[in-house]
Structures are given as structure tokens and as C-alpha cells.
Amino acid sequence: MSRPKTIFCDIDGTLIKHFTPDITSKENFIPSILEGTLDKFNEWDKKGYKIILVTARRESMRKITEKQLSEIGIFYDYLIMGISSGPRVLINDMKPDNEITAFSFNLVRNEGIKNIEI
């Protein structure tokens, strides 16, 4: 039986073009969405995947970040803010039948998620 996947995805440099915090924190900043982002999100949504966005942006930037994402059409289930911009590690257990339950992808900044197959 196939269970829906949960996608943890960074925002800046992964879904939208990476800019410095002094630019992304401006109220009128409109991010440049990377090629294939919306197509991939629509694919994942049709498959029933949960989409959890993570970012090193400060919690105090939540309203601005939510507005920016909404304006360019990026939807999600949860938004986790204020995580370290250092290495991120996903730790998960395997199922009793040894099914692998955690994967990771390291992308070239600003190349987007268009070529990821999950």
C-alpha cells in the first residue's frame, strides 16, 4: 500500500531565486519563482503529498513571507520559519519491512526542483 509522502522543502534558492535577507524582507519584494516549481507542486498535490516549507527567514518575517508565497502561487500545508541556514539533517526510522522512509536532495542554488523525481 502506497502512503502519501511528506515533502520538506526549503524556499530561497530552491523554489524562488535566492536574494539576501535585506531584499526579501521588503514589503514590496516579489520573488522570482524558479522554473518548474508550480508544476512540481501541482504534481505533488494531485498525489496527496503534504508540503512543508522550511526557511531560515526569521519568524518576524512570517506575514511578509506568506504574502510573497501567495502572490506567486506557492501553496503548502505548513511553514516552518527560523531554522538554521547551516546543514539540515533528516532522521527517520525504517518501517518493519525495511522500507526506507527518508530521502534527501541537495540542489544547486537557483536551479529549482523541476528535475526531482520522488
PDB file of N, CA and C in Angstrom:
ATOM      1  N   MET A   1       0.835  -1.181   0.000  1.00  0.00           N
ATOM      2  CA  MET A   1       0.000   0.000   0.000  1.00  0.00           C
ATOM      3  C   MET A   1       0.884   1.250   0.000  1.00  0.00           C
ATOM      4  N   SER A   2       0.618   2.133  -0.913  1.00  0.00           N
ATOM      5  CA  SER A   2       1.391   3.365  -1.013  1.00  0.00           C
ATOM      6  C   SER A   2       0.779   4.443  -0.121  1.00  0.00           C
ATOM      7  N   ARG A   3       1.613   5.021   0.712  1.00  0.00           N
ATOM      8  CA  ARG A   3       1.161   6.093   1.597  1.00  0.00           C
ATOM      9  C   ARG A   3       1.627   7.421   1.023  1.00  0.00           C
ATOM     10  N   PRO A   4       0.848   8.490   1.225  1.00  0.00           N
ATOM     11  CA  PRO A   4       1.283   9.796   0.717  1.00  0.00           C
ATOM     12  C   PRO A   4       2.612  10.208   1.350  1.00  0.00           C
ATOM     13  N   LYS A   5       3.418  10.867   0.577  1.00  0.00           N
ATOM     14  CA  LYS A   5       4.715  11.330   1.050  1.00  0.00           C
ATOM     15  C   LYS A   5       4.578  12.706   1.714  1.00  0.00           C
ATOM     16  N   THR A   6       5.550  13.038   2.543  1.00  0.00           N
ATOM     17  CA  THR A   6       5.668  14.372   3.110  1.00  0.00           C
ATOM     18  C   THR A   6       6.931  14.988   2.544  1.00  0.00           C
ATOM     19  N   ILE A   7       6.792  16.148   1.929  1.00  0.00           N
ATOM     20  CA  ILE A   7       7.909  16.848   1.314  1.00  0.00           C
ATOM     21  C   ILE A   7       8.310  18.009   2.221  1.00  0.00           C
ATOM     22  N   PHE A   8       9.560  18.032   2.666  1.00  0.00           N
ATOM     23  CA  PHE A   8      10.132  19.167   3.376  1.00  0.00           C
ATOM     24  C   PHE A   8      10.965  19.921   2.347  1.00  0.00           C
ATOM     25  N   CYS A   9      10.660  21.188   2.125  1.00  0.00           N
ATOM     26  CA  CYS A   9      11.321  21.902   1.045  1.00  0.00           C
ATOM     27  C   CYS A   9      11.726  23.299   1.498  1.00  0.00           C
ATOM     28  N   ASP A  10      12.968  23.638   1.253  1.00  0.00           N
ATOM     29  CA  ASP A  10      13.466  24.982   1.507  1.00  0.00           C
ATOM     30  C   ASP A  10      12.819  25.948   0.506  1.00  0.00           C
ATOM     31  N   ILE A  11      12.838  27.233   0.816  1.00  0.00           N
ATOM     32  CA  ILE A  11      12.210  28.230  -0.057  1.00  0.00           C
ATOM     33  C   ILE A  11      13.239  28.939  -0.936  1.00  0.00           C
ATOM     34  N   ASP A  12      14.097  29.739  -0.297  1.00  0.00           N
ATOM     35  CA  ASP A  12      15.018  30.597  -1.047  1.00  0.00           C
ATOM     36  C   ASP A  12      16.133  29.790  -1.698  1.00  0.00           C
ATOM     37  N   GLY A  13      16.262  29.942  -3.019  1.00  0.00           N
ATOM     38  CA  GLY A  13      17.278  29.215  -3.769  1.00  0.00           C
ATOM     39  C   GLY A  13      16.821  27.842  -4.212  1.00  0.00           C
ATOM     40  N   THR A  14      15.627  27.421  -3.740  1.00  0.00           N
ATOM     41  CA  THR A  14      15.073  26.109  -4.081  1.00  0.00           C
ATOM     42  C   THR A  14      13.773  26.265  -4.871  1.00  0.00           C
ATOM     43  N   LEU A  15      12.873  27.097  -4.362  1.00  0.00           N
ATOM     44  CA  LEU A  15      11.590  27.359  -5.030  1.00  0.00           C
ATOM     45  C   LEU A  15      11.580  28.713  -5.719  1.00  0.00           C
ATOM     46  N   ILE A  16      12.257  29.662  -5.097  1.00  0.00           N
ATOM     47  CA  ILE A  16      12.353  31.015  -5.639  1.00  0.00           C
ATOM     48  C   ILE A  16      13.820  31.415  -5.707  1.00  0.00           C
ATOM     49  N   LYS A  17      14.118  32.391  -6.551  1.00  0.00           N
ATOM     50  CA  LYS A  17      15.501  32.862  -6.679  1.00  0.00           C
ATOM     51  C   LYS A  17      15.991  33.394  -5.340  1.00  0.00           C
ATOM     52  N   HIS A  18      17.205  33.011  -4.973  1.00  0.00           N
ATOM     53  CA  HIS A  18      17.790  33.417  -3.691  1.00  0.00           C
ATOM     54  C   HIS A  18      18.225  34.873  -3.750  1.00  0.00           C
ATOM     55  N   PHE A  19      17.779  35.636  -2.770  1.00  0.00           N
ATOM     56  CA  PHE A  19      18.225  37.006  -2.576  1.00  0.00           C
ATOM     57  C   PHE A  19      18.645  37.154  -1.132  1.00  0.00           C
ATOM     58  N   THR A  20      19.382  38.193  -0.826  1.00  0.00           N
ATOM     59  CA  THR A  20      19.814  38.433   0.550  1.00  0.00           C
ATOM     60  C   THR A  20      18.628  38.869   1.399  1.00  0.00           C
ATOM     61  N   PRO A  21      18.693  38.617   2.719  1.00  0.00           N
ATOM     62  CA  PRO A  21      17.578  38.973   3.609  1.00  0.00           C
ATOM     63  C   PRO A  21      17.180  40.443   3.556  1.00  0.00           C
ATOM     64  N   ASP A  22      18.116  41.349   3.287  1.00  0.00           N
ATOM     65  CA  ASP A  22      17.744  42.763   3.218  1.00  0.00           C
ATOM     66  C   ASP A  22      16.807  43.047   2.043  1.00  0.00           C
ATOM     67  N   ILE A  23      16.831  42.201   1.032  1.00  0.00           N
ATOM     68  CA  ILE A  23      15.917  42.355  -0.104  1.00  0.00           C
ATOM     69  C   ILE A  23      14.607  41.617   0.162  1.00  0.00           C
ATOM     70  N   THR A  24      14.681  40.352   0.611  1.00  0.00           N
ATOM     71  CA  THR A  24      13.467  39.545   0.800  1.00  0.00           C
ATOM     72  C   THR A  24      12.578  40.085   1.912  1.00  0.00           C
ATOM     73  N   SER A  25      13.136  40.871   2.824  1.00  0.00           N
ATOM     74  CA  SER A  25      12.336  41.389   3.935  1.00  0.00           C
ATOM     75  C   SER A  25      11.538  42.632   3.576  1.00  0.00           C
ATOM     76  N   LYS A  26      11.730  43.168   2.405  1.00  0.00           N
ATOM     77  CA  LYS A  26      10.991  44.366   1.995  1.00  0.00           C
ATOM     78  C   LYS A  26       9.541  44.010   1.679  1.00  0.00           C
ATOM     79  N   GLU A  27       8.645  44.840   2.143  1.00  0.00           N
ATOM     80  CA  GLU A  27       7.203  44.619   1.983  1.00  0.00           C
ATOM     81  C   GLU A  27       6.796  44.456   0.518  1.00  0.00           C
ATOM     82  N   ASN A  28       7.424  45.201  -0.383  1.00  0.00           N
ATOM     83  CA  ASN A  28       7.013  45.191  -1.793  1.00  0.00           C
ATOM     84  C   ASN A  28       7.828  44.218  -2.657  1.00  0.00           C
ATOM     85  N   PHE A  29       8.690  43.401  -2.042  1.00  0.00           N
ATOM     86  CA  PHE A  29       9.502  42.446  -2.803  1.00  0.00           C
ATOM     87  C   PHE A  29       8.616  41.334  -3.352  1.00  0.00           C
ATOM     88  N   ILE A  30       8.735  41.085  -4.648  1.00  0.00           N
ATOM     89  CA  ILE A  30       8.015  39.970  -5.278  1.00  0.00           C
ATOM     90  C   ILE A  30       9.075  38.976  -5.758  1.00  0.00           C
ATOM     91  N   PRO A  31       9.110  37.784  -5.173  1.00  0.00           N
ATOM     92  CA  PRO A  31      10.144  36.806  -5.540  1.00  0.00           C
ATOM     93  C   PRO A  31       9.984  36.294  -6.963  1.00  0.00           C
ATOM     94  N   SER A  32      11.093  35.860  -7.530  1.00  0.00           N
ATOM     95  CA  SER A  32      11.094  35.228  -8.853  1.00  0.00           C
ATOM     96  C   SER A  32      11.004  33.727  -8.652  1.00  0.00           C
ATOM     97  N   ILE A  33       9.889  33.163  -9.056  1.00  0.00           N
ATOM     98  CA  ILE A  33       9.691  31.725  -8.895  1.00  0.00           C
ATOM     99  C   ILE A  33      10.578  30.982  -9.893  1.00  0.00           C
ATOM    100  N   LEU A  34      11.200  29.911  -9.447  1.00  0.00           N
ATOM    101  CA  LEU A  34      12.083  29.144 -10.315  1.00  0.00           C
ATOM    102  C   LEU A  34      11.282  28.220 -11.232  1.00  0.00           C
ATOM    103  N   GLU A  35      11.817  28.001 -12.408  1.00  0.00           N
ATOM    104  CA  GLU A  35      11.147  27.186 -13.430  1.00  0.00           C
ATOM    105  C   GLU A  35      10.767  25.808 -12.885  1.00  0.00           C
ATOM    106  N   GLY A  36       9.529  25.425 -13.128  1.00  0.00           N
ATOM    107  CA  GLY A  36       9.048  24.099 -12.761  1.00  0.00           C
ATOM    108  C   GLY A  36       8.482  23.973 -11.362  1.00  0.00           C
ATOM    109  N   THR A  37       8.600  25.023 -10.551  1.00  0.00           N
ATOM    110  CA  THR A  37       8.138  24.951  -9.164  1.00  0.00           C
ATOM    111  C   THR A  37       6.639  24.663  -9.083  1.00  0.00           C
ATOM    112  N   LEU A  38       5.843  25.457  -9.764  1.00  0.00           N
ATOM    113  CA  LEU A  38       4.384  25.263  -9.662  1.00  0.00           C
ATOM    114  C   LEU A  38       3.954  23.935 -10.281  1.00  0.00           C
ATOM    115  N   ASP A  39       4.590  23.544 -11.368  1.00  0.00           N
ATOM    116  CA  ASP A  39       4.268  22.242 -11.975  1.00  0.00           C
ATOM    117  C   ASP A  39       4.527  21.115 -10.984  1.00  0.00           C
ATOM    118  N   LYS A  40       5.670  21.181 -10.297  1.00  0.00           N
ATOM    119  CA  LYS A  40       6.028  20.128  -9.337  1.00  0.00           C
ATOM    120  C   LYS A  40       5.066  20.156  -8.152  1.00  0.00           C
ATOM    121  N   PHE A  41       4.716  21.340  -7.653  1.00  0.00           N
ATOM    122  CA  PHE A  41       3.777  21.432  -6.536  1.00  0.00           C
ATOM    123  C   PHE A  41       2.408  20.888  -6.930  1.00  0.00           C
ATOM    124  N   ASN A  42       1.958  21.182  -8.142  1.00  0.00           N
ATOM    125  CA  ASN A  42       0.673  20.647  -8.603  1.00  0.00           C
ATOM    126  C   ASN A  42       0.723  19.128  -8.714  1.00  0.00           C
ATOM    127  N   GLU A  43       1.839  18.592  -9.197  1.00  0.00           N
ATOM    128  CA  GLU A  43       2.021  17.133  -9.281  1.00  0.00           C
ATOM    129  C   GLU A  43       1.928  16.509  -7.890  1.00  0.00           C
ATOM    130  N   TRP A  44       2.650  17.090  -6.932  1.00  0.00           N
ATOM    131  CA  TRP A  44       2.643  16.568  -5.573  1.00  0.00           C
ATOM    132  C   TRP A  44       1.264  16.681  -4.934  1.00  0.00           C
ATOM    133  N   ASP A  45       0.578  17.773  -5.198  1.00  0.00           N
ATOM    134  CA  ASP A  45      -0.761  17.977  -4.637  1.00  0.00           C
ATOM    135  C   ASP A  45      -1.725  16.906  -5.165  1.00  0.00           C
ATOM    136  N   LYS A  46      -1.664  16.618  -6.450  1.00  0.00           N
ATOM    137  CA  LYS A  46      -2.525  15.593  -7.050  1.00  0.00           C
ATOM    138  C   LYS A  46      -2.272  14.218  -6.441  1.00  0.00           C
ATOM    139  N   LYS A  47      -1.050  13.985  -5.993  1.00  0.00           N
ATOM    140  CA  LYS A  47      -0.689  12.707  -5.379  1.00  0.00           C
ATOM    141  C   LYS A  47      -1.005  12.687  -3.877  1.00  0.00           C
ATOM    142  N   GLY A  48      -1.503  13.799  -3.357  1.00  0.00           N
ATOM    143  CA  GLY A  48      -1.879  13.858  -1.953  1.00  0.00           C
ATOM    144  C   GLY A  48      -0.717  14.071  -0.994  1.00  0.00           C
ATOM    145  N   TYR A  49       0.419  14.515  -1.501  1.00  0.00           N
ATOM    146  CA  TYR A  49       1.586  14.735  -0.644  1.00  0.00           C
ATOM    147  C   TYR A  49       1.360  15.939   0.274  1.00  0.00           C
ATOM    148  N   LYS A  50       1.930  15.885   1.457  1.00  0.00           N
ATOM    149  CA  LYS A  50       1.963  17.026   2.365  1.00  0.00           C
ATOM    150  C   LYS A  50       3.196  17.842   2.010  1.00  0.00           C
ATOM    151  N   ILE A  51       3.049  19.149   1.911  1.00  0.00           N
ATOM    152  CA  ILE A  51       4.160  20.031   1.573  1.00  0.00           C
ATOM    153  C   ILE A  51       4.454  20.922   2.766  1.00  0.00           C
ATOM    154  N   ILE A  52       5.657  20.759   3.296  1.00  0.00           N
ATOM    155  CA  ILE A  52       6.098  21.549   4.442  1.00  0.00           C
ATOM    156  C   ILE A  52       7.279  22.396   3.985  1.00  0.00           C
ATOM    157  N   LEU A  53       7.091  23.701   4.012  1.00  0.00           N
ATOM    158  CA  LEU A  53       8.165  24.607   3.629  1.00  0.00           C
ATOM    159  C   LEU A  53       8.981  24.966   4.856  1.00  0.00           C
ATOM    160  N   VAL A  54      10.289  25.030   4.677  1.00  0.00           N
ATOM    161  CA  VAL A  54      11.196  25.431   5.755  1.00  0.00           C
ATOM    162  C   VAL A  54      12.058  26.578   5.245  1.00  0.00           C
ATOM    163  N   THR A  55      12.441  27.449   6.166  1.00  0.00           N
ATOM    164  CA  THR A  55      13.253  28.588   5.784  1.00  0.00           C
ATOM    165  C   THR A  55      14.047  29.119   6.969  1.00  0.00           C
ATOM    166  N   ALA A  56      15.179  29.713   6.652  1.00  0.00           N
ATOM    167  CA  ALA A  56      15.975  30.380   7.680  1.00  0.00           C
ATOM    168  C   ALA A  56      15.453  31.795   7.931  1.00  0.00           C
ATOM    169  N   ARG A  57      14.475  32.217   7.155  1.00  0.00           N
ATOM    170  CA  ARG A  57      13.902  33.549   7.396  1.00  0.00           C
ATOM    171  C   ARG A  57      13.375  33.601   8.829  1.00  0.00           C
ATOM    172  N   ARG A  58      13.537  34.739   9.443  1.00  0.00           N
ATOM    173  CA  ARG A  58      13.104  34.911  10.827  1.00  0.00           C
ATOM    174  C   ARG A  58      11.587  34.816  10.965  1.00  0.00           C
ATOM    175  N   GLU A  59      11.142  34.346  12.120  1.00  0.00           N
ATOM    176  CA  GLU A  59       9.703  34.265  12.409  1.00  0.00           C
ATOM    177  C   GLU A  59       9.030  35.624  12.230  1.00  0.00           C
ATOM    178  N   SER A  60       9.753  36.691  12.521  1.00  0.00           N
ATOM    179  CA  SER A  60       9.190  38.040  12.380  1.00  0.00           C
ATOM    180  C   SER A  60       8.873  38.379  10.923  1.00  0.00           C
ATOM    181  N   MET A  61       9.354  37.570   9.968  1.00  0.00           N
ATOM    182  CA  MET A  61       9.064  37.781   8.544  1.00  0.00           C
ATOM    183  C   MET A  61       7.915  36.899   8.047  1.00  0.00           C
ATOM    184  N   ARG A  62       7.208  36.231   8.956  1.00  0.00           N
ATOM    185  CA  ARG A  62       6.161  35.291   8.553  1.00  0.00           C
ATOM    186  C   ARG A  62       5.107  35.934   7.647  1.00  0.00           C
ATOM    187  N   LYS A  63       4.529  37.050   8.058  1.00  0.00           N
ATOM    188  CA  LYS A  63       3.452  37.653   7.258  1.00  0.00           C
ATOM    189  C   LYS A  63       3.944  38.065   5.875  1.00  0.00           C
ATOM    190  N   ILE A  64       5.136  38.631   5.815  1.00  0.00           N
ATOM    191  CA  ILE A  64       5.696  39.022   4.515  1.00  0.00           C
ATOM    192  C   ILE A  64       5.941  37.785   3.663  1.00  0.00           C
ATOM    193  N   THR A  65       6.498  36.752   4.254  1.00  0.00           N
ATOM    194  CA  THR A  65       6.800  35.518   3.521  1.00  0.00           C
ATOM    195  C   THR A  65       5.516  34.865   3.021  1.00  0.00           C
ATOM    196  N   GLU A  66       4.505  34.769   3.876  1.00  0.00           N
ATOM    197  CA  GLU A  66       3.221  34.188   3.460  1.00  0.00           C
ATOM    198  C   GLU A  66       2.619  34.970   2.300  1.00  0.00           C
ATOM    199  N   LYS A  67       2.695  36.289   2.364  1.00  0.00           N
ATOM    200  CA  LYS A  67       2.164  37.145   1.296  1.00  0.00           C
ATOM    201  C   LYS A  67       2.930  36.910  -0.006  1.00  0.00           C
ATOM    202  N   GLN A  68       4.253  36.870   0.076  1.00  0.00           N
ATOM    203  CA  GLN A  68       5.067  36.651  -1.112  1.00  0.00           C
ATOM    204  C   GLN A  68       4.747  35.304  -1.757  1.00  0.00           C
ATOM    205  N   LEU A  69       4.658  34.267  -0.957  1.00  0.00           N
ATOM    206  CA  LEU A  69       4.365  32.932  -1.494  1.00  0.00           C
ATOM    207  C   LEU A  69       2.987  32.886  -2.135  1.00  0.00           C
ATOM    208  N   SER A  70       2.020  33.492  -1.480  1.00  0.00           N
ATOM    209  CA  SER A  70       0.659  33.526  -2.011  1.00  0.00           C
ATOM    210  C   SER A  70       0.599  34.271  -3.346  1.00  0.00           C
ATOM    211  N   GLU A  71       1.289  35.390  -3.420  1.00  0.00           N
ATOM    212  CA  GLU A  71       1.252  36.208  -4.644  1.00  0.00           C
ATOM    213  C   GLU A  71       1.813  35.492  -5.861  1.00  0.00           C
ATOM    214  N   ILE A  72       2.750  34.566  -5.645  1.00  0.00           N
ATOM    215  CA  ILE A  72       3.317  33.858  -6.800  1.00  0.00           C
ATOM    216  C   ILE A  72       2.734  32.452  -6.967  1.00  0.00           C
ATOM    217  N   GLY A  73       1.746  32.120  -6.125  1.00  0.00           N
ATOM    218  CA  GLY A  73       1.009  30.871  -6.311  1.00  0.00           C
ATOM    219  C   GLY A  73       1.582  29.647  -5.639  1.00  0.00           C
ATOM    220  N   ILE A  74       2.525  29.821  -4.712  1.00  0.00           N
ATOM    221  CA  ILE A  74       3.076  28.672  -3.998  1.00  0.00           C
ATOM    222  C   ILE A  74       2.184  28.352  -2.803  1.00  0.00           C
ATOM    223  N   PHE A  75       1.661  27.131  -2.784  1.00  0.00           N
ATOM    224  CA  PHE A  75       0.793  26.683  -1.691  1.00  0.00           C
ATOM    225  C   PHE A  75       1.529  25.618  -0.892  1.00  0.00           C
ATOM    226  N   TYR A  76       1.086  25.396   0.331  1.00  0.00           N
ATOM    227  CA  TYR A  76       1.776  24.476   1.224  1.00  0.00           C
ATOM    228  C   TYR A  76       0.845  24.114   2.369  1.00  0.00           C
ATOM    229  N   ASP A  77       1.246  23.105   3.140  1.00  0.00           N
ATOM    230  CA  ASP A  77       0.467  22.694   4.304  1.00  0.00           C
ATOM    231  C   ASP A  77       0.973  23.356   5.584  1.00  0.00           C
ATOM    232  N   TYR A  78       2.288  23.484   5.702  1.00  0.00           N
ATOM    233  CA  TYR A  78       2.898  24.095   6.891  1.00  0.00           C
ATOM    234  C   TYR A  78       4.095  24.926   6.464  1.00  0.00           C
ATOM    235  N   LEU A  79       4.392  25.949   7.248  1.00  0.00           N
ATOM    236  CA  LEU A  79       5.557  26.793   7.022  1.00  0.00           C
ATOM    237  C   LEU A  79       6.337  26.877   8.324  1.00  0.00           C
ATOM    238  N   ILE A  80       7.556  26.359   8.308  1.00  0.00           N
ATOM    239  CA  ILE A  80       8.417  26.389   9.488  1.00  0.00           C
ATOM    240  C   ILE A  80       9.508  27.422   9.243  1.00  0.00           C
ATOM    241  N   MET A  81       9.563  28.416  10.118  1.00  0.00           N
ATOM    242  CA  MET A  81      10.490  29.534   9.934  1.00  0.00           C
ATOM    243  C   MET A  81      11.567  29.530  11.007  1.00  0.00           C
ATOM    244  N   GLY A  82      12.656  30.229  10.711  1.00  0.00           N
ATOM    245  CA  GLY A  82      13.703  30.437  11.698  1.00  0.00           C
ATOM    246  C   GLY A  82      14.648  29.271  11.908  1.00  0.00           C
ATOM    247  N   ILE A  83      14.689  28.329  10.958  1.00  0.00           N
ATOM    248  CA  ILE A  83      15.632  27.224  11.132  1.00  0.00           C
ATOM    249  C   ILE A  83      17.018  27.689  10.685  1.00  0.00           C
ATOM    250  N   SER A  84      18.026  27.023  11.137  1.00  0.00           N
ATOM    251  CA  SER A  84      19.398  27.398  10.821  1.00  0.00           C
ATOM    252  C   SER A  84      19.645  27.332   9.317  1.00  0.00           C
ATOM    253  N   SER A  85      20.500  28.225   8.846  1.00  0.00           N
ATOM    254  CA  SER A  85      20.903  28.152   7.439  1.00  0.00           C
ATOM    255  C   SER A  85      22.082  27.192   7.267  1.00  0.00           C
ATOM    256  N   GLY A  86      22.508  26.579   8.365  1.00  0.00           N
ATOM    257  CA  GLY A  86      23.571  25.574   8.303  1.00  0.00           C
ATOM    258  C   GLY A  86      23.019  24.252   7.801  1.00  0.00           C
ATOM    259  N   PRO A  87      23.829  23.194   7.835  1.00  0.00           N
ATOM    260  CA  PRO A  87      23.369  21.889   7.356  1.00  0.00           C
ATOM    261  C   PRO A  87      22.101  21.421   8.074  1.00  0.00           C
ATOM    262  N   ARG A  88      21.227  20.800   7.319  1.00  0.00           N
ATOM    263  CA  ARG A  88      19.959  20.274   7.842  1.00  0.00           C
ATOM    264  C   ARG A  88      19.987  18.760   7.706  1.00  0.00           C
ATOM    265  N   VAL A  89      19.574  18.096   8.749  1.00  0.00           N
ATOM    266  CA  VAL A  89      19.657  16.642   8.791  1.00  0.00           C
ATOM    267  C   VAL A  89      18.263  16.086   9.061  1.00  0.00           C
ATOM    268  N   LEU A  90      17.824  15.128   8.261  1.00  0.00           N
ATOM    269  CA  LEU A  90      16.548  14.455   8.461  1.00  0.00           C
ATOM    270  C   LEU A  90      16.831  13.077   9.037  1.00  0.00           C
ATOM    271  N   ILE A  91      16.233  12.792  10.170  1.00  0.00           N
ATOM    272  CA  ILE A  91      16.412  11.492  10.819  1.00  0.00           C
ATOM    273  C   ILE A  91      15.038  10.835  10.932  1.00  0.00           C
ATOM    274  N   ASN A  92      14.942   9.617  10.468  1.00  0.00           N
ATOM    275  CA  ASN A  92      13.662   8.922  10.456  1.00  0.00           C
ATOM    276  C   ASN A  92      13.917   7.421  10.612  1.00  0.00           C
ATOM    277  N   ASP A  93      12.923   6.686  11.092  1.00  0.00           N
ATOM    278  CA  ASP A  93      13.071   5.230  11.215  1.00  0.00           C
ATOM    279  C   ASP A  93      12.565   4.540   9.956  1.00  0.00           C
ATOM    280  N   MET A  94      13.046   3.315   9.727  1.00  0.00           N
ATOM    281  CA  MET A  94      12.546   2.498   8.627  1.00  0.00           C
ATOM    282  C   MET A  94      11.321   1.730   9.111  1.00  0.00           C
ATOM    283  N   LYS A  95      10.492   1.338   8.182  1.00  0.00           N
ATOM    284  CA  LYS A  95       9.333   0.508   8.502  1.00  0.00           C
ATOM    285  C   LYS A  95       9.811  -0.902   8.884  1.00  0.00           C
ATOM    286  N   PRO A  96       8.973  -1.696   9.574  1.00  0.00           N
ATOM    287  CA  PRO A  96       9.370  -3.058   9.962  1.00  0.00           C
ATOM    288  C   PRO A  96       9.810  -3.934   8.784  1.00  0.00           C
ATOM    289  N   ASP A  97       9.298  -3.640   7.581  1.00  0.00           N
ATOM    290  CA  ASP A  97       9.706  -4.418   6.402  1.00  0.00           C
ATOM    291  C   ASP A  97      10.966  -3.844   5.743  1.00  0.00           C
ATOM    292  N   ASN A  98      11.650  -2.932   6.455  1.00  0.00           N
ATOM    293  CA  ASN A  98      12.882  -2.277   5.998  1.00  0.00           C
ATOM    294  C   ASN A  98      12.675  -1.266   4.882  1.00  0.00           C
ATOM    295  N   GLU A  99      11.445  -0.832   4.672  1.00  0.00           N
ATOM    296  CA  GLU A  99      11.195   0.219   3.692  1.00  0.00           C
ATOM    297  C   GLU A  99      11.911   1.491   4.147  1.00  0.00           C
ATOM    298  N   ILE A 100      12.701   2.078   3.243  1.00  0.00           N
ATOM    299  CA  ILE A 100      13.396   3.335   3.521  1.00  0.00           C
ATOM    300  C   ILE A 100      12.345   4.450   3.566  1.00  0.00           C
ATOM    301  N   THR A 101      12.389   5.285   4.596  1.00  0.00           N
ATOM    302  CA  THR A 101      11.359   6.307   4.772  1.00  0.00           C
ATOM    303  C   THR A 101      11.900   7.734   4.783  1.00  0.00           C
ATOM    304  N   ALA A 102      13.155   7.923   4.426  1.00  0.00           N
ATOM    305  CA  ALA A 102      13.707   9.277   4.366  1.00  0.00           C
ATOM    306  C   ALA A 102      14.705   9.378   3.214  1.00  0.00           C
ATOM    307  N   PHE A 103      14.603  10.455   2.479  1.00  0.00           N
ATOM    308  CA  PHE A 103      15.492  10.734   1.354  1.00  0.00           C
ATOM    309  C   PHE A 103      15.866  12.201   1.419  1.00  0.00           C
ATOM    310  N   SER A 104      16.933  12.579   0.731  1.00  0.00           N
ATOM    311  CA  SER A 104      17.267  13.993   0.657  1.00  0.00           C
ATOM    312  C   SER A 104      17.859  14.313  -0.710  1.00  0.00           C
ATOM    313  N   PHE A 105      17.724  15.560  -1.097  1.00  0.00           N
ATOM    314  CA  PHE A 105      18.278  16.070  -2.344  1.00  0.00           C
ATOM    315  C   PHE A 105      19.001  17.367  -2.017  1.00  0.00           C
ATOM    316  N   ASN A 106      20.208  17.510  -2.500  1.00  0.00           N
ATOM    317  CA  ASN A 106      20.935  18.762  -2.393  1.00  0.00           C
ATOM    318  C   ASN A 106      20.993  19.360  -3.792  1.00  0.00           C
ATOM    319  N   LEU A 107      20.416  20.549  -3.952  1.00  0.00           N
ATOM    320  CA  LEU A 107      20.302  21.169  -5.265  1.00  0.00           C
ATOM    321  C   LEU A 107      21.276  22.322  -5.420  1.00  0.00           C
ATOM    322  N   VAL A 108      21.660  22.572  -6.647  1.00  0.00           N
ATOM    323  CA  VAL A 108      22.427  23.773  -6.950  1.00  0.00           C
ATOM    324  C   VAL A 108      21.490  24.961  -6.734  1.00  0.00           C
ATOM    325  N   ARG A 109      21.968  25.964  -6.008  1.00  0.00           N
ATOM    326  CA  ARG A 109      21.136  27.135  -5.708  1.00  0.00           C
ATOM    327  C   ARG A 109      20.567  27.734  -6.991  1.00  0.00           C
ATOM    328  N   ASN A 110      19.281  28.051  -6.934  1.00  0.00           N
ATOM    329  CA  ASN A 110      18.524  28.692  -8.012  1.00  0.00           C
ATOM    330  C   ASN A 110      18.296  27.803  -9.234  1.00  0.00           C
ATOM    331  N   GLU A 111      18.580  26.511  -9.138  1.00  0.00           N
ATOM    332  CA  GLU A 111      18.297  25.583 -10.243  1.00  0.00           C
ATOM    333  C   GLU A 111      16.873  25.035 -10.147  1.00  0.00           C
ATOM    334  N   GLY A 112      16.259  25.091  -8.964  1.00  0.00           N
ATOM    335  CA  GLY A 112      14.875  24.670  -8.796  1.00  0.00           C
ATOM    336  C   GLY A 112      14.686  23.169  -8.630  1.00  0.00           C
ATOM    337  N   ILE A 113      13.414  22.794  -8.539  1.00  0.00           N
ATOM    338  CA  ILE A 113      13.036  21.408  -8.231  1.00  0.00           C
ATOM    339  C   ILE A 113      12.470  20.665  -9.438  1.00  0.00           C
ATOM    340  N   LYS A 114      12.529  21.281 -10.602  1.00  0.00           N
ATOM    341  CA  LYS A 114      11.872  20.714 -11.792  1.00  0.00           C
ATOM    342  C   LYS A 114      12.319  19.305 -12.146  1.00  0.00           C
ATOM    343  N   ASN A 115      13.552  18.938 -11.821  1.00  0.00           N
ATOM    344  CA  ASN A 115      14.076  17.625 -12.216  1.00  0.00           C
ATOM    345  C   ASN A 115      14.035  16.582 -11.097  1.00  0.00           C
ATOM    346  N   ILE A 116      13.416  16.914  -9.977  1.00  0.00           N
ATOM    347  CA  ILE A 116      13.341  15.962  -8.866  1.00  0.00           C
ATOM    348  C   ILE A 116      12.217  14.966  -9.116  1.00  0.00           C
ATOM    349  N   GLU A 117      12.530  13.696  -8.963  1.00  0.00           N
ATOM    350  CA  GLU A 117      11.525  12.636  -9.043  1.00  0.00           C
ATOM    351  C   GLU A 117      11.458  11.974  -7.689  1.00  0.00           C
ATOM    352  N   ILE A 118      10.283  12.007  -7.092  1.00  0.00           N
ATOM    353  CA  ILE A 118      10.096  11.437  -5.753  1.00  0.00           C
ATOM    354  C   ILE A 118       9.168  10.244  -5.859  1.00  0.00           C
TER     355      ILE A 118
END
